[in-house]
Protein backbone atom coordinates (compact mmCIF):
# COMPACT_ATOMS: atom_id res chain seq x y z
CA MET A 1 149.61 -28.52 224.54
CA LEU A 2 150.38 -25.89 227.17
CA THR A 3 148.15 -22.80 227.00
CA LYS A 4 149.56 -19.65 228.56
CA LEU A 5 147.25 -17.07 230.10
CA LEU A 6 148.34 -13.60 231.21
CA PHE A 7 146.19 -12.18 234.02
CA VAL A 8 146.54 -8.46 234.86
CA ASP A 9 144.68 -7.44 238.00
CA ASN A 10 144.81 -5.66 241.37
CA ASP A 11 142.48 -8.03 243.19
CA PRO A 12 144.32 -10.61 245.34
CA LEU A 13 141.06 -12.50 245.96
CA LEU A 14 140.39 -12.93 242.24
CA THR A 15 144.00 -14.02 241.72
CA GLN A 16 143.55 -16.69 244.39
CA GLN A 17 140.21 -17.81 242.90
CA MET A 18 141.72 -18.09 239.43
CA THR A 19 144.61 -20.18 240.75
CA GLU A 20 142.20 -22.50 242.56
CA GLU A 21 139.84 -22.77 239.57
CA PHE A 22 142.64 -23.75 237.18
CA ASN A 23 144.56 -25.83 239.73
CA GLY A 24 143.90 -29.14 237.96
CA GLU A 25 144.88 -27.77 234.55
CA ILE A 26 147.99 -26.11 236.00
CA GLN A 27 149.06 -29.35 237.72
CA SER A 28 148.59 -31.32 234.49
CA GLN A 29 150.48 -28.59 232.59
CA GLU A 30 147.54 -27.83 230.32
CA TYR A 31 147.58 -24.20 231.47
CA GLU A 32 150.12 -21.77 232.82
CA ILE A 33 148.85 -18.52 234.33
CA ILE A 34 151.19 -15.53 234.54
CA PHE A 35 150.07 -12.90 237.05
CA THR A 36 151.05 -9.23 236.96
CA HIS A 37 149.58 -6.00 238.33
CA SER A 38 150.36 -3.26 235.81
CA GLY A 39 149.80 -2.53 232.15
CA GLU A 40 153.49 -1.72 231.72
CA ASP A 41 154.60 -5.11 233.03
CA ALA A 42 152.00 -6.87 230.88
CA LEU A 43 153.28 -5.12 227.75
CA GLU A 44 156.85 -6.13 228.56
CA ILE A 45 155.84 -9.75 229.16
CA ILE A 46 153.97 -9.92 225.84
CA GLN A 47 156.78 -8.18 223.94
CA ASN A 48 159.26 -10.75 225.31
CA ASP A 49 156.96 -13.62 224.33
CA ASN A 50 158.90 -14.31 221.14
CA GLU A 51 157.32 -17.73 220.61
CA ARG A 52 153.84 -16.20 220.98
CA GLU A 53 152.88 -18.79 223.57
CA ILE A 54 150.52 -16.42 225.42
CA LYS A 55 147.09 -17.16 223.94
CA PHE A 56 144.85 -15.19 226.33
CA LEU A 57 145.00 -11.90 228.15
CA LEU A 58 142.63 -11.11 231.01
CA THR A 59 142.87 -7.58 232.33
CA GLU A 60 140.93 -5.39 234.66
CA LYS A 61 139.94 -2.02 233.23
CA LYS A 62 141.18 -0.17 236.31
CA LEU A 63 144.79 -0.90 237.22
CA LEU A 64 145.89 0.95 240.36
CA HIS A 65 149.39 2.43 240.42
CA SER A 66 149.72 1.80 236.68
CA GLN A 67 150.07 4.46 233.98
CA ILE A 68 148.49 2.10 231.42
CA ASP A 69 145.01 0.88 232.33
CA GLY A 70 143.29 -2.18 230.88
CA LEU A 71 141.82 -0.44 227.83
CA GLY A 72 145.11 1.34 227.21
CA LEU A 73 146.87 -2.03 227.25
CA ILE A 74 144.33 -3.49 224.82
CA LYS A 75 144.62 -0.54 222.41
CA ASN A 76 148.42 -0.71 222.58
CA LEU A 77 148.39 -4.39 221.59
CA SER A 78 145.89 -3.68 218.81
CA ASN A 79 148.12 -0.94 217.40
CA LYS A 80 151.06 -3.33 217.42
CA GLY A 81 148.99 -5.92 215.55
CA ARG A 82 149.44 -8.55 218.23
CA ALA A 83 146.83 -11.28 217.78
CA ILE A 84 145.84 -12.38 221.26
CA ARG A 85 142.42 -13.26 222.67
CA ILE A 86 141.47 -10.69 225.27
CA PHE A 87 138.89 -10.60 228.05
CA LEU A 88 138.19 -7.36 229.90
CA ILE A 89 137.02 -7.31 233.54
CA SER A 90 135.24 -4.12 234.56
CA GLU A 91 133.14 -2.82 237.45
CA SER A 92 130.75 -1.17 234.98
CA VAL A 93 130.17 -0.76 231.26
CA ASP A 94 130.70 2.78 230.03
CA VAL A 95 130.70 4.19 226.50
CA GLU A 96 134.42 3.56 225.99
CA VAL A 97 134.14 -0.09 227.03
CA TYR A 98 131.08 -0.63 224.83
CA ASN A 99 132.66 0.98 221.77
CA SER A 100 135.89 -0.99 222.25
CA LEU A 101 133.87 -4.21 222.35
CA ILE A 102 131.88 -3.32 219.23
CA ASN A 103 135.10 -2.41 217.39
CA GLY A 104 136.51 -5.84 218.19
CA LEU A 105 139.36 -4.72 220.44
CA PHE A 106 138.61 -7.56 222.83
CA LEU A 107 136.66 -10.80 222.78
CA ALA A 108 134.33 -10.44 225.75
CA PHE A 109 133.94 -8.69 229.08
CA LEU A 110 132.81 -9.68 232.54
CA ILE A 111 131.31 -7.43 235.19
CA LYS A 112 132.94 -7.54 238.64
CA PRO A 113 132.58 -9.43 240.82
CA CYS A 114 133.09 -12.06 238.12
CA ASN A 115 132.67 -15.78 238.55
CA PRO A 116 135.96 -17.70 238.05
CA THR A 117 134.01 -20.76 236.88
CA GLU A 118 132.23 -18.69 234.21
CA LEU A 119 135.56 -17.17 233.21
CA LYS A 120 137.13 -20.59 232.86
CA PHE A 121 134.20 -21.72 230.70
CA LEU A 122 134.62 -18.69 228.41
CA ILE A 123 138.33 -19.35 228.01
CA LEU A 124 137.74 -23.00 227.10
CA GLU A 125 135.03 -21.97 224.61
CA ALA A 126 137.28 -19.29 223.12
CA LEU A 127 140.04 -21.84 222.66
CA LYS A 128 137.67 -24.15 220.77
CA GLN A 129 135.37 -21.77 218.90
CA PRO A 130 136.08 -18.06 219.57
CA GLU A 131 133.37 -16.95 217.13
CA LYS A 132 130.70 -18.54 219.33
CA ILE A 133 131.54 -16.56 222.47
CA ASN A 134 128.47 -14.64 223.58
CA LYS A 135 130.23 -11.40 224.37
CA LYS A 136 127.06 -9.36 224.92
CA THR A 137 124.62 -11.13 227.21
CA PRO A 138 121.10 -9.64 227.43
CA LYS A 139 121.79 -8.33 230.93
CA VAL A 140 124.98 -6.61 229.90
CA ARG A 141 123.39 -5.28 226.74
CA PHE A 142 120.51 -3.74 228.71
CA ASP A 143 122.86 -2.28 231.33
CA THR A 144 125.04 -0.82 228.60
CA LEU A 145 122.13 0.80 226.80
CA THR A 146 120.88 2.22 230.09
CA LYS A 147 124.25 3.77 230.83
CA LEU A 148 124.49 5.18 227.32
CA ALA A 149 121.00 6.66 227.59
CA ASN A 150 121.76 8.18 231.01
CA ASN A 151 124.74 10.01 229.52
CA LEU A 152 122.58 11.76 226.89
CA PRO A 153 121.69 15.47 227.26
CA SER A 154 118.23 16.08 228.72
CA LYS A 155 116.64 17.04 225.40
CA GLN A 156 117.91 13.86 223.75
CA LYS A 157 116.61 11.79 226.66
CA GLU A 158 113.18 13.36 226.17
CA THR A 159 113.30 12.59 222.45
CA LEU A 160 114.36 9.00 223.17
CA ILE A 161 111.47 8.51 225.63
CA ARG A 162 108.97 9.82 223.06
CA ASP A 163 110.39 7.51 220.37
CA LEU A 164 110.27 4.50 222.69
CA ILE A 165 106.65 5.21 223.59
CA LYS A 166 105.77 5.23 219.89
CA SER A 167 107.30 1.77 219.53
CA LEU A 168 105.17 0.13 222.27
CA GLU A 169 102.23 -2.16 221.62
CA GLN A 170 98.70 -1.18 222.67
CA ASP A 171 98.61 -3.39 225.79
CA GLU A 172 102.01 -2.08 226.86
CA LEU A 173 100.83 1.51 226.39
CA LEU A 174 97.69 0.89 228.46
CA ALA A 175 99.74 -0.67 231.28
CA LEU A 176 102.25 2.17 231.18
CA ASN A 177 99.50 4.78 231.14
CA GLY A 178 98.18 3.38 234.43
CA GLU A 179 101.61 3.42 236.09
CA MET A 180 103.03 6.64 234.66
CA PRO A 181 101.21 9.27 236.81
CA ASP A 182 102.45 7.68 240.06
CA MET A 183 105.95 7.19 238.62
CA ILE A 184 106.18 10.82 237.55
CA ARG A 185 104.79 12.08 240.86
CA ARG A 186 107.33 10.03 242.84
CA GLN A 187 110.18 11.24 240.65
CA ILE A 188 109.10 14.88 241.03
CA GLU A 189 109.21 14.42 244.82
CA ILE A 190 112.66 12.81 244.60
CA ASN A 191 113.92 15.62 242.35
CA ALA A 192 112.58 18.27 244.73
CA LYS A 193 114.36 16.58 247.63
CA ASN A 194 117.59 16.40 245.61
CA ILE A 195 117.32 20.10 244.74
CA ARG A 196 117.00 20.97 248.45
CA LYS A 197 120.00 18.78 249.30
CA LYS A 198 121.98 20.37 246.48
CA GLU A 199 121.27 23.87 247.77
CA GLU A 200 122.23 22.86 251.31
CA LEU A 201 125.47 21.34 250.02
CA LEU A 202 126.27 24.43 247.95
CA GLN A 203 125.79 26.59 251.04
CA LYS A 204 128.30 24.42 252.91
CA VAL A 205 130.77 24.73 250.03
CA ARG A 206 130.39 28.52 249.95
CA SER A 207 130.71 28.80 253.72
CA GLY A 208 133.93 26.75 253.72
CA LYS A 209 132.54 23.69 255.45
CA ILE A 210 133.46 21.68 252.34
CA ASP A 211 136.74 22.10 250.44
CA SER A 212 136.32 24.82 247.83
CA ASN A 213 137.93 22.53 245.26
CA SER A 214 134.67 20.59 245.19
CA PRO A 215 132.50 21.49 242.18
CA LEU A 216 130.43 24.61 242.91
CA GLU A 217 127.72 23.67 240.45
CA LEU A 218 126.79 20.09 241.19
CA PRO A 219 124.45 18.19 238.89
CA GLN A 220 121.14 17.14 240.35
CA GLY A 221 122.15 13.50 240.73
CA HIS A 222 124.99 14.06 243.22
CA PHE A 223 125.17 12.11 246.45
CA ILE A 224 127.44 11.65 249.47
CA GLU A 225 128.78 8.18 250.15
CA GLU A 226 129.87 6.94 253.58
CA LYS A 227 132.56 4.26 253.45
CA TYR A 228 134.39 2.06 255.93
CA ILE A 229 137.70 0.37 255.19
CA ARG A 230 138.76 -2.99 256.64
CA ARG A 231 142.51 -3.39 257.07
CA ASP A 232 144.46 -5.96 259.09
CA GLY A 233 141.29 -7.11 260.83
CA LYS A 234 140.36 -3.57 261.90
CA ILE A 235 137.65 -1.26 260.58
CA PHE A 236 138.49 2.40 259.86
CA GLY A 237 136.07 5.20 259.09
CA PRO A 238 133.65 6.51 258.32
CA TYR A 239 135.06 8.42 255.34
CA TYR A 240 132.85 10.65 253.20
CA TYR A 241 132.99 11.08 249.44
CA LEU A 242 131.06 13.41 247.19
CA ARG A 243 129.96 11.58 244.02
CA TRP A 244 128.54 13.18 240.90
CA ARG A 245 128.38 12.46 237.19
CA GLY A 246 130.35 14.69 234.88
CA GLY A 247 131.76 14.16 231.41
CA GLY A 248 129.95 10.84 231.16
CA LYS A 249 131.81 9.44 234.17
CA LEU A 250 131.21 9.16 237.90
CA GLN A 251 133.43 11.77 239.57
CA THR A 252 134.66 11.64 243.16
CA LYS A 253 135.80 14.17 245.76
CA TYR A 254 137.05 13.09 249.19
CA LEU A 255 135.32 15.18 251.89
CA GLY A 256 137.09 13.91 255.01
CA LYS A 257 135.90 12.09 258.11
CA ILE A 258 133.03 14.43 259.06
CA ASP A 259 129.65 14.16 257.39
CA PRO A 260 129.18 17.61 255.74
CA ARG A 261 125.42 17.19 255.99
CA LYS A 262 125.72 17.40 259.79
CA GLY A 263 128.18 20.25 259.90
CA ARG A 264 131.50 20.42 261.72
């Protein structure tokens, strides 16, 4: 029986890998993969699937040039009551992704860069026994909890640390007690360095060396990223971006081609 899979992504390399991974099944007409690049097109394809032949949906969370992202597409299908097995592909696991998984809006997620062979295995397992899909691996679960904890207000983080310490066994406490002074000292030094960098950056913002639309009060964990872009065999850059965490998400501001830390 032919199994139809709808794949919504913006990554040409992953599209090619998926085609190669399922080549045998496609040739033997066991699988048909429909590729599209936007949430809007995916919704239209599913709405026109009157025979409900599409059994699986794989979508990236971020869909460039699309008004409906991956989670928006999933929620839209859930609201319409469309029963379809869904896998989400994401660069990271944030609170929204985690809550959507827990609430059963999709079957499993993979962190980019994902392995096409692993993805194929999950699809085959979901076709046979969807209830046995391990949708929260230990690594993902730990990463998710870390991200959730990092988004807590400072006072709640402090409370969480105290509660976790109370839950440790004696040997764990003794080991931690030996490491903690050095860990705290190193972190104090890092924080002091970040505070100095923050003040220097704020001075550049106030003096006009950085676009005034950049946030004037940057959180302590901000950083500047230098990026190069490869296009048509050529390398362009460097380009500089200001990154900081706000509202539980990593925010970005393009700074231009000159490193603001070195002046103009």
